[in-house]
């Protein structure tokens, strides 16, 4: 699905470029001494002002912001936008007294999905001869095969150039609406991936954690109370319903809770080493990006190894990036098998936690930020993440509970 989203973005991007070039041709007069480069720059600047509003979808607020910029670009009498039911969303410019005269044509454009063209001479007008309107073009805004609304362009001259311009601007608006839908699809995909990660939190861990806590209620009630609080905070953080990003400090704090609970179960068989550079604690990372790696190290690396072993979590400063690694000295596995599983995790379900994280890192930051892994049978496993310190559009969500922002001090599990 991610590849399909990428392909759609490329197609829409090319469509927007084609619209810009066509608008340049439409507006370029033979009598103008402006160069083609200046005309292209002007069209790009005008459209870039109108684009952000429509990326949020066809709303009244978005329409208000868009019509103002389109009016400046087309230099026409008025620009209007309606929704898919013909309801007025916004109007900028003059001749607004003629809007009621256009409603029939708007309904037809929505119903048939075809452009409508109305001449002022066919309308009743008290200002005939003084009215700035000469013609109106109503173009349906079609996104994903469905009419989402209409674009109304009112001109002071009756020309084919105005009709062509209205068509191209409508195509641009449709492209922005398509991108808005893709943005929504991308957000839904990210939420689905987080839900999948939550589902991968082992039910056996939840059962064993509660079983370990219950075994301490009589012998060490204070320890049981502390572990129960850690368990409550762990589940509350892991199953929170909002947020795609968090800080590295919050992720590490949750890992500390997880390892504290697991240390009660594994006792001397599980040792923990955590080394964190303070300057990377504020780096923003995808939500639940580390916990599945640590759980994989404990369950598939240390648990099957006679005598247990050590899980090491390191986060260090690496210039413009934070370099994070989760390592265990457990049983390891064949590297080729791991990479095959990661590549086909969406088909096989193998190592879905790690495969999901790899996919999310690539989706958020780009392919160059895919996971790096080192493993071999009997040699443990090391998974490395590179996270940019600053990345456009990536911001931490507000903490859902508590006020702790730093993980506990490093300590070996007892």
Protein backbone atom coordinates (compact mmCIF):
# COMPACT_ATOMS: atom_id res chain seq x y z
CA UNK A 1 0.00 0.00 0.00
CA UNK A 2 2.91 2.33 0.75
CA UNK A 3 4.31 1.80 -2.77
CA UNK A 4 0.87 2.62 -4.22
CA UNK A 5 0.73 5.86 -2.24
CA UNK A 6 4.17 6.82 -3.54
CA UNK A 7 3.16 6.13 -7.14
CA UNK A 8 0.01 8.22 -6.71
CA UNK A 9 2.00 11.14 -5.31
CA UNK A 10 4.35 11.03 -8.33
CA UNK A 11 1.43 10.93 -10.78
CA UNK A 12 -0.32 13.83 -9.07
CA UNK A 13 2.94 15.79 -8.95
CA UNK A 14 3.35 15.40 -12.71
CA UNK A 15 -0.27 16.47 -13.19
CA UNK A 16 0.32 19.63 -11.17
CA UNK A 17 3.42 20.42 -13.25
CA UNK A 18 1.40 19.98 -16.43
CA UNK A 19 -1.25 22.36 -15.09
CA UNK A 20 1.39 24.99 -14.34
CA UNK A 21 2.82 24.75 -17.84
CA UNK A 22 -0.63 24.95 -19.43
CA UNK A 23 -1.57 27.96 -17.31
CA UNK A 24 1.65 29.61 -18.40
CA UNK A 25 0.57 29.13 -22.02
CA UNK A 26 -2.97 30.36 -21.33
CA UNK A 27 -1.88 33.57 -19.61
CA UNK A 28 1.04 34.41 -21.86
CA UNK A 29 -0.13 37.11 -24.26
CA UNK A 30 1.61 37.74 -27.54
CA UNK A 31 1.69 41.41 -26.63
CA UNK A 32 3.37 40.74 -23.29
CA UNK A 33 7.08 41.37 -23.01
CA UNK A 34 7.42 39.08 -20.04
CA UNK A 35 9.61 36.04 -20.59
CA UNK A 36 8.31 32.50 -20.33
CA UNK A 37 10.42 32.05 -17.21
CA UNK A 38 8.70 34.99 -15.52
CA UNK A 39 5.29 33.64 -16.49
CA UNK A 40 6.12 30.21 -15.08
CA UNK A 41 7.44 31.76 -11.87
CA UNK A 42 4.31 33.86 -11.48
CA UNK A 43 2.02 30.82 -11.98
CA UNK A 44 4.05 28.76 -9.52
CA UNK A 45 3.93 31.50 -6.89
CA UNK A 46 0.19 31.98 -7.23
CA UNK A 47 -0.56 28.27 -7.14
CA UNK A 48 1.81 27.67 -4.24
CA UNK A 49 -0.23 30.15 -2.19
CA UNK A 50 -3.47 28.36 -3.02
CA UNK A 51 -2.17 24.80 -2.60
CA UNK A 52 -1.77 24.45 1.21
CA UNK A 53 -5.41 25.23 1.97
CA UNK A 54 -6.79 22.54 -0.34
CA UNK A 55 -4.45 19.93 1.16
CA UNK A 56 -6.81 19.85 4.15
CA UNK A 57 -9.77 18.91 1.96
CA UNK A 58 -12.74 20.79 0.51
CA UNK A 59 -13.92 22.75 3.54
CA UNK A 60 -15.35 26.25 3.90
CA UNK A 61 -12.14 27.50 5.48
CA UNK A 62 -10.00 25.96 2.75
CA UNK A 63 -12.25 27.41 0.04
CA UNK A 64 -12.03 30.91 1.57
CA UNK A 65 -8.22 30.81 1.45
CA UNK A 66 -8.09 29.30 -2.03
CA UNK A 67 -10.48 31.58 -3.94
CA UNK A 68 -8.56 34.68 -2.87
CA UNK A 69 -5.32 33.43 -4.42
CA UNK A 70 -7.00 32.07 -7.55
CA UNK A 71 -8.74 35.40 -8.10
CA UNK A 72 -5.36 37.16 -8.02
CA UNK A 73 -3.91 34.65 -10.46
CA UNK A 74 -6.73 34.61 -13.02
CA UNK A 75 -7.46 38.35 -12.70
CA UNK A 76 -11.11 37.63 -13.41
CA UNK A 77 -14.32 39.10 -12.00
CA UNK A 78 -14.99 36.44 -9.38
CA UNK A 79 -14.10 32.94 -8.18
CA UNK A 80 -16.49 30.64 -6.32
CA UNK A 81 -16.35 27.13 -4.90
CA UNK A 82 -19.24 24.82 -3.91
CA UNK A 83 -19.29 21.40 -2.28
CA UNK A 84 -20.50 18.20 -3.92
CA UNK A 85 -24.13 18.98 -3.13
CA UNK A 86 -24.01 22.44 -4.69
CA UNK A 87 -23.86 24.29 -1.38
CA UNK A 88 -21.95 27.55 -1.51
CA UNK A 89 -18.57 27.38 0.28
CA UNK A 90 -16.86 30.61 -0.76
CA UNK A 91 -16.98 33.50 -3.21
CA UNK A 92 -14.39 36.17 -3.93
CA UNK A 93 -14.79 39.13 -6.26
CA UNK A 94 -17.83 40.87 -7.72
CA UNK A 95 -21.07 39.88 -9.48
CA UNK A 96 -22.13 37.89 -6.41
CA UNK A 97 -25.72 38.95 -7.08
CA UNK A 98 -25.65 36.52 -10.01
CA UNK A 99 -24.80 33.50 -7.87
CA UNK A 100 -28.48 32.44 -7.58
CA UNK A 101 -28.64 32.49 -11.40
CA UNK A 102 -25.87 29.91 -11.54
CA UNK A 103 -27.32 27.30 -9.17
CA UNK A 104 -29.11 25.40 -11.93
CA UNK A 105 -25.92 25.09 -13.97
CA UNK A 106 -24.02 24.09 -10.81
CA UNK A 107 -26.47 21.25 -10.18
CA UNK A 108 -26.12 20.07 -13.77
CA UNK A 109 -22.30 20.16 -13.58
CA UNK A 110 -22.39 18.07 -10.39
CA UNK A 111 -24.91 15.62 -11.80
CA UNK A 112 -23.26 15.11 -15.20
CA UNK A 113 -19.63 15.76 -14.24
CA UNK A 114 -19.34 18.13 -17.20
CA UNK A 115 -18.36 21.79 -17.51
CA UNK A 116 -21.19 24.33 -17.83
CA UNK A 117 -20.91 27.71 -19.54
CA UNK A 118 -23.32 30.62 -18.97
CA UNK A 119 -23.44 33.91 -20.89
CA UNK A 120 -24.51 37.11 -19.17
CA UNK A 121 -26.87 37.88 -22.05
CA UNK A 122 -29.00 34.91 -20.98
CA UNK A 123 -29.45 36.27 -17.45
CA UNK A 124 -31.76 38.90 -16.02
CA UNK A 125 -29.60 41.80 -14.79
CA UNK A 126 -30.58 45.20 -13.43
CA UNK A 127 -27.14 46.55 -14.29
CA UNK A 128 -27.03 45.44 -17.89
CA UNK A 129 -24.24 47.29 -19.65
CA UNK A 130 -22.63 48.15 -16.32
CA UNK A 131 -22.32 44.64 -14.85
CA UNK A 132 -18.71 43.41 -14.80
CA UNK A 133 -19.79 39.85 -15.63
CA UNK A 134 -19.80 38.66 -19.21
CA UNK A 135 -19.53 34.91 -18.78
CA UNK A 136 -19.34 32.21 -16.09
CA UNK A 137 -17.66 28.82 -16.31
CA UNK A 138 -18.65 26.09 -13.84
CA UNK A 139 -16.19 23.17 -13.73
CA UNK A 140 -16.85 20.05 -11.64
CA UNK A 141 -14.08 19.16 -9.17
CA UNK A 142 -13.62 15.43 -9.67
CA UNK A 143 -11.44 13.47 -7.24
CA UNK A 144 -11.06 9.71 -7.39
CA UNK A 145 -13.95 9.49 -9.87
CA UNK A 146 -16.37 11.40 -7.65
CA UNK A 147 -17.60 15.00 -7.98
CA UNK A 148 -16.44 16.72 -4.79
CA UNK A 149 -17.70 20.18 -5.74
CA UNK A 150 -17.49 22.85 -8.42
CA UNK A 151 -15.19 25.73 -9.33
CA UNK A 152 -16.96 28.84 -10.64
CA UNK A 153 -14.96 31.33 -12.71
CA UNK A 154 -16.72 34.58 -13.62
CA UNK A 155 -15.05 36.56 -16.41
CA UNK A 156 -15.34 40.10 -17.71
CA UNK A 157 -14.73 38.93 -21.26
CA UNK A 158 -16.21 36.08 -23.23
CA UNK A 159 -13.14 34.16 -24.42
CA UNK A 160 -11.92 30.63 -24.97
CA UNK A 161 -8.85 31.51 -22.94
CA UNK A 162 -10.96 31.98 -19.80
CA UNK A 163 -12.62 28.59 -20.33
CA UNK A 164 -9.22 26.95 -20.78
CA UNK A 165 -7.88 28.66 -17.67
CA UNK A 166 -10.92 27.55 -15.64
CA UNK A 167 -10.38 23.95 -16.75
CA UNK A 168 -6.70 23.99 -15.80
CA UNK A 169 -7.24 25.66 -12.44
CA UNK A 170 -9.98 23.15 -11.65
CA UNK A 171 -7.55 20.37 -12.52
CA UNK A 172 -5.04 21.87 -10.10
CA UNK A 173 -7.64 22.03 -7.32
CA UNK A 174 -8.57 18.40 -8.03
CA UNK A 175 -4.89 17.44 -7.71
CA UNK A 176 -4.76 19.08 -4.29
CA UNK A 177 -7.90 17.23 -3.22
CA UNK A 178 -6.30 13.97 -4.36
CA UNK A 179 -3.22 14.79 -2.28
CA UNK A 180 -5.47 15.52 0.70
CA UNK A 181 -6.96 12.05 0.35
CA UNK A 182 -3.48 10.54 0.06
CA UNK A 183 -2.42 12.38 3.22
CA UNK A 184 -5.42 10.93 5.01
CA UNK A 185 -4.63 7.45 3.66
CA UNK A 186 -1.04 7.81 4.82
CA UNK A 187 -2.17 8.79 8.30
CA UNK A 188 -4.59 5.87 8.43
CA UNK A 189 -1.81 3.53 7.31
CA UNK A 190 0.49 4.84 10.04
CA UNK A 191 -2.24 4.34 12.65
CA UNK A 192 -2.85 0.81 11.38
CA UNK A 193 0.85 0.02 11.70
CA UNK A 194 0.86 1.26 15.31
CA UNK A 195 -2.18 -0.90 16.03
CA UNK A 196 -0.33 -3.85 14.55
CA UNK A 197 2.64 -3.18 16.81
CA UNK A 198 0.36 -3.04 19.83
CA UNK A 199 -1.09 -6.38 18.79
CA UNK A 200 2.44 -7.82 18.71
CA UNK A 201 3.00 -7.07 22.40
CA UNK A 202 3.07 -10.67 23.52
CA UNK A 203 0.02 -11.88 25.46
CA UNK A 204 2.48 -14.22 27.18
CA UNK A 205 4.36 -11.17 28.46
CA UNK A 206 1.17 -9.68 29.89
CA UNK A 207 0.22 -12.98 31.52
CA UNK A 208 3.71 -13.66 32.89
CA UNK A 209 4.05 -10.09 34.16
CA UNK A 210 0.84 -10.35 36.19
CA UNK A 211 1.79 -13.81 37.37
CA UNK A 212 5.19 -12.56 38.56
CA UNK A 213 3.60 -9.62 40.37
CA UNK A 214 0.99 -11.83 42.05
CA UNK A 215 3.71 -14.15 43.36
CA UNK A 216 5.17 -11.23 45.34
CA UNK A 217 1.97 -9.97 46.94
CA UNK A 218 2.50 -11.97 50.16
CA UNK A 219 6.30 -12.22 50.29
CA UNK A 220 7.23 -8.71 49.14
CA UNK A 221 4.15 -6.48 48.85
CA UNK A 222 6.17 -3.30 48.38
CA UNK A 223 8.01 -4.81 45.40
CA UNK A 224 4.69 -6.09 44.04
CA UNK A 225 3.20 -2.61 44.33
CA UNK A 226 6.16 -1.05 42.47
CA UNK A 227 5.99 -3.62 39.69
CA UNK A 228 2.26 -3.19 39.36
CA UNK A 229 2.75 0.55 38.89
CA UNK A 230 5.41 -0.11 36.25
CA UNK A 231 3.05 -2.54 34.50
CA UNK A 232 0.18 -0.01 34.58
CA UNK A 233 2.40 2.75 33.14
CA UNK A 234 3.78 0.39 30.48
CA UNK A 235 0.34 -0.66 29.25
CA UNK A 236 -1.05 2.87 29.45
CA UNK A 237 1.78 4.21 27.28
CA UNK A 238 1.80 1.30 24.82
CA UNK A 239 -1.96 1.33 24.26
CA UNK A 240 -2.57 5.07 24.17
CA UNK A 241 -5.02 5.95 21.43
CA UNK A 242 -3.38 9.02 19.89
CA UNK A 243 -0.02 10.09 18.61
CA UNK A 244 2.35 8.81 15.93
CA UNK A 245 5.52 10.33 17.36
CA UNK A 246 7.13 10.73 20.74
CA UNK A 247 10.52 11.63 22.18
CA UNK A 248 13.36 9.18 22.56
CA UNK A 249 13.22 9.87 26.31
CA UNK A 250 9.62 8.58 26.49
CA UNK A 251 10.43 5.49 24.42
CA UNK A 252 13.41 4.70 26.63
CA UNK A 253 11.33 5.19 29.75
CA UNK A 254 8.83 2.64 28.48
CA UNK A 255 11.64 0.21 27.66
CA UNK A 256 12.90 0.64 31.22
CA UNK A 257 9.45 -0.34 32.50
CA UNK A 258 9.39 -3.40 30.25
CA UNK A 259 12.83 -4.56 31.33
CA UNK A 260 12.08 -3.92 34.99
CA UNK A 261 9.06 -6.23 34.74
CA UNK A 262 10.95 -8.88 32.77
CA UNK A 263 13.82 -8.84 35.26
CA UNK A 264 11.43 -10.12 37.91
CA UNK A 265 10.63 -13.12 35.76
CA UNK A 266 14.10 -13.95 34.42
CA UNK A 267 16.08 -12.87 37.51
CA UNK A 268 19.80 -13.66 37.02
CA UNK A 269 19.20 -14.89 33.46
CA UNK A 270 18.56 -11.35 32.20
CA UNK A 271 21.08 -8.56 32.51
CA UNK A 272 20.47 -5.08 31.15
CA UNK A 273 22.86 -2.36 30.07
CA UNK A 274 21.58 1.06 29.04
CA UNK A 275 23.84 3.85 27.88
CA UNK A 276 22.14 7.07 26.78
CA UNK A 277 23.71 10.36 25.67
CA UNK A 278 21.65 13.17 27.30
CA UNK A 279 21.78 15.32 24.16
CA UNK A 280 19.64 12.84 22.17
CA UNK A 281 16.81 12.44 24.69
CA UNK A 282 14.70 15.09 22.95
CA UNK A 283 15.03 13.53 19.47
CA UNK A 284 11.61 12.70 17.98
CA UNK A 285 11.03 9.07 17.01
CA UNK A 286 8.02 7.09 15.75
CA UNK A 287 5.83 5.84 18.59
CA UNK A 288 6.66 2.29 19.76
CA UNK A 289 9.77 2.13 17.60
CA UNK A 290 12.05 0.55 20.24
CA UNK A 291 9.89 -1.66 22.46
CA UNK A 292 9.37 -4.42 19.82
CA UNK A 293 13.15 -4.55 19.26
CA UNK A 294 13.82 -5.00 22.96
CA UNK A 295 11.03 -7.57 23.28
CA UNK A 296 12.48 -9.46 20.33
CA UNK A 297 15.91 -9.45 22.03
CA UNK A 298 14.48 -10.84 25.27
CA UNK A 299 12.07 -13.42 23.84
CA UNK A 300 13.97 -14.67 20.81
CA UNK A 301 17.54 -13.94 21.85
CA UNK A 302 17.96 -14.35 25.62
CA UNK A 303 15.03 -16.59 26.62
CA UNK A 304 16.08 -19.63 24.49
CA UNK A 305 19.74 -19.36 25.59
CA UNK A 306 20.78 -21.60 28.49
CA UNK A 307 22.02 -19.36 31.28
CA UNK A 308 20.44 -16.24 29.74
CA UNK A 309 22.39 -13.18 28.63
CA UNK A 310 22.50 -9.41 28.32
CA UNK A 311 20.39 -6.88 26.46
CA UNK A 312 22.22 -3.62 25.68
CA UNK A 313 20.48 -0.42 24.60
CA UNK A 314 22.68 2.45 23.43
CA UNK A 315 21.66 5.89 22.15
CA UNK A 316 24.44 8.25 21.12
CA UNK A 317 24.94 11.54 19.33
CA UNK A 318 25.98 11.19 15.69
CA UNK A 319 26.09 14.72 14.29
CA UNK A 320 22.72 15.46 12.70
CA UNK A 321 21.38 12.09 13.81
CA UNK A 322 20.84 9.97 16.88
CA UNK A 323 22.35 6.50 16.59
CA UNK A 324 20.34 3.93 18.53
CA UNK A 325 21.13 0.24 18.91
CA UNK A 326 19.43 -2.70 20.62
CA UNK A 327 21.78 -5.66 21.06
CA UNK A 328 21.62 -9.06 22.72
CA UNK A 329 24.16 -11.84 23.11
CA UNK A 330 21.53 -14.53 22.71
CA UNK A 331 21.08 -17.38 20.25
CA UNK A 332 21.08 -15.20 17.11
CA UNK A 333 19.94 -16.45 13.72
CA UNK A 334 21.00 -16.76 10.11
CA UNK A 335 21.43 -13.27 8.65
CA UNK A 336 20.06 -14.21 5.22
CA UNK A 337 16.92 -15.61 6.82
CA UNK A 338 16.44 -12.46 8.87
CA UNK A 339 16.77 -10.16 5.86
CA UNK A 340 14.41 -12.37 3.83
CA UNK A 341 11.88 -12.26 6.66
CA UNK A 342 12.17 -8.48 6.89
CA UNK A 343 11.74 -8.09 3.15
CA UNK A 344 8.63 -10.33 3.04
CA UNK A 345 7.24 -9.62 6.53
CA UNK A 346 4.07 -8.13 5.02
CA UNK A 347 3.45 -11.47 3.26
CA UNK A 348 4.65 -14.06 5.78
CA UNK A 349 4.12 -12.37 9.13
CA UNK A 350 7.64 -13.37 10.20
CA UNK A 351 9.36 -10.94 12.56
CA UNK A 352 6.41 -8.64 11.95
CA UNK A 353 7.46 -6.33 14.81
CA UNK A 354 10.88 -5.64 13.32
CA UNK A 355 9.51 -5.62 9.76
CA UNK A 356 6.86 -3.10 10.78
CA UNK A 357 9.46 -0.81 12.36
CA UNK A 358 11.68 -1.07 9.29
CA UNK A 359 8.73 -0.10 7.09
CA UNK A 360 7.76 2.83 9.34
CA UNK A 361 11.31 4.21 9.45
CA UNK A 362 11.51 4.14 5.66
CA UNK A 363 8.05 5.63 5.28
CA UNK A 364 8.68 8.51 7.72
CA UNK A 365 12.32 9.37 7.03
CA UNK A 366 13.13 7.74 3.67
CA UNK A 367 14.73 4.51 2.47
CA UNK A 368 18.16 5.58 3.71
CA UNK A 369 16.86 5.23 7.27
CA UNK A 370 15.98 1.55 7.01
CA UNK A 371 17.04 -0.64 9.92
CA UNK A 372 20.51 -2.16 9.94
CA UNK A 373 20.93 -5.59 11.53
CA UNK A 374 23.88 -7.80 12.44
CA UNK A 375 23.33 -11.41 13.48
CA UNK A 376 24.62 -14.95 13.15
CA UNK A 377 23.71 -18.26 14.79
CA UNK A 378 25.07 -18.27 18.34
CA UNK A 379 26.34 -14.68 18.04
CA UNK A 380 23.28 -12.71 19.18
CA UNK A 381 21.73 -9.87 17.26
CA UNK A 382 22.25 -6.12 16.97
CA UNK A 383 19.67 -3.80 15.38
CA UNK A 384 20.69 -0.22 14.59
CA UNK A 385 18.46 2.79 13.91
CA UNK A 386 19.56 6.16 12.59
CA UNK A 387 17.10 8.92 13.44
CA UNK A 388 17.49 12.50 12.15
CA UNK A 389 17.44 15.08 14.93
CA UNK A 390 15.21 17.35 12.87
CA UNK A 391 12.86 16.30 10.08
CA UNK A 392 10.05 18.30 8.39
CA UNK A 393 6.59 17.42 9.67
CA UNK A 394 7.85 15.19 12.48
CA UNK A 395 6.88 16.56 15.90
CA UNK A 396 6.34 14.87 19.25
CA UNK A 397 2.80 14.44 20.52
CA UNK A 398 1.93 15.63 24.00
CA UNK A 399 2.56 13.04 26.73
CA UNK A 400 -0.61 11.18 27.53
CA UNK A 401 0.18 10.70 31.19
CA UNK A 402 2.79 11.49 33.82
CA UNK A 403 5.46 14.14 33.66
CA UNK A 404 8.59 12.02 33.41
CA UNK A 405 10.68 12.87 30.37
CA UNK A 406 13.89 10.93 31.11
CA UNK A 407 14.50 7.20 31.59
CA UNK A 408 15.74 5.84 34.89
CA UNK A 409 19.45 5.65 35.52
CA UNK A 410 21.15 2.66 33.90
CA UNK A 411 21.23 -0.38 36.13
CA UNK A 412 21.70 -4.13 35.65
CA UNK A 413 18.69 -6.31 36.25
CA UNK A 414 18.80 -8.29 39.45
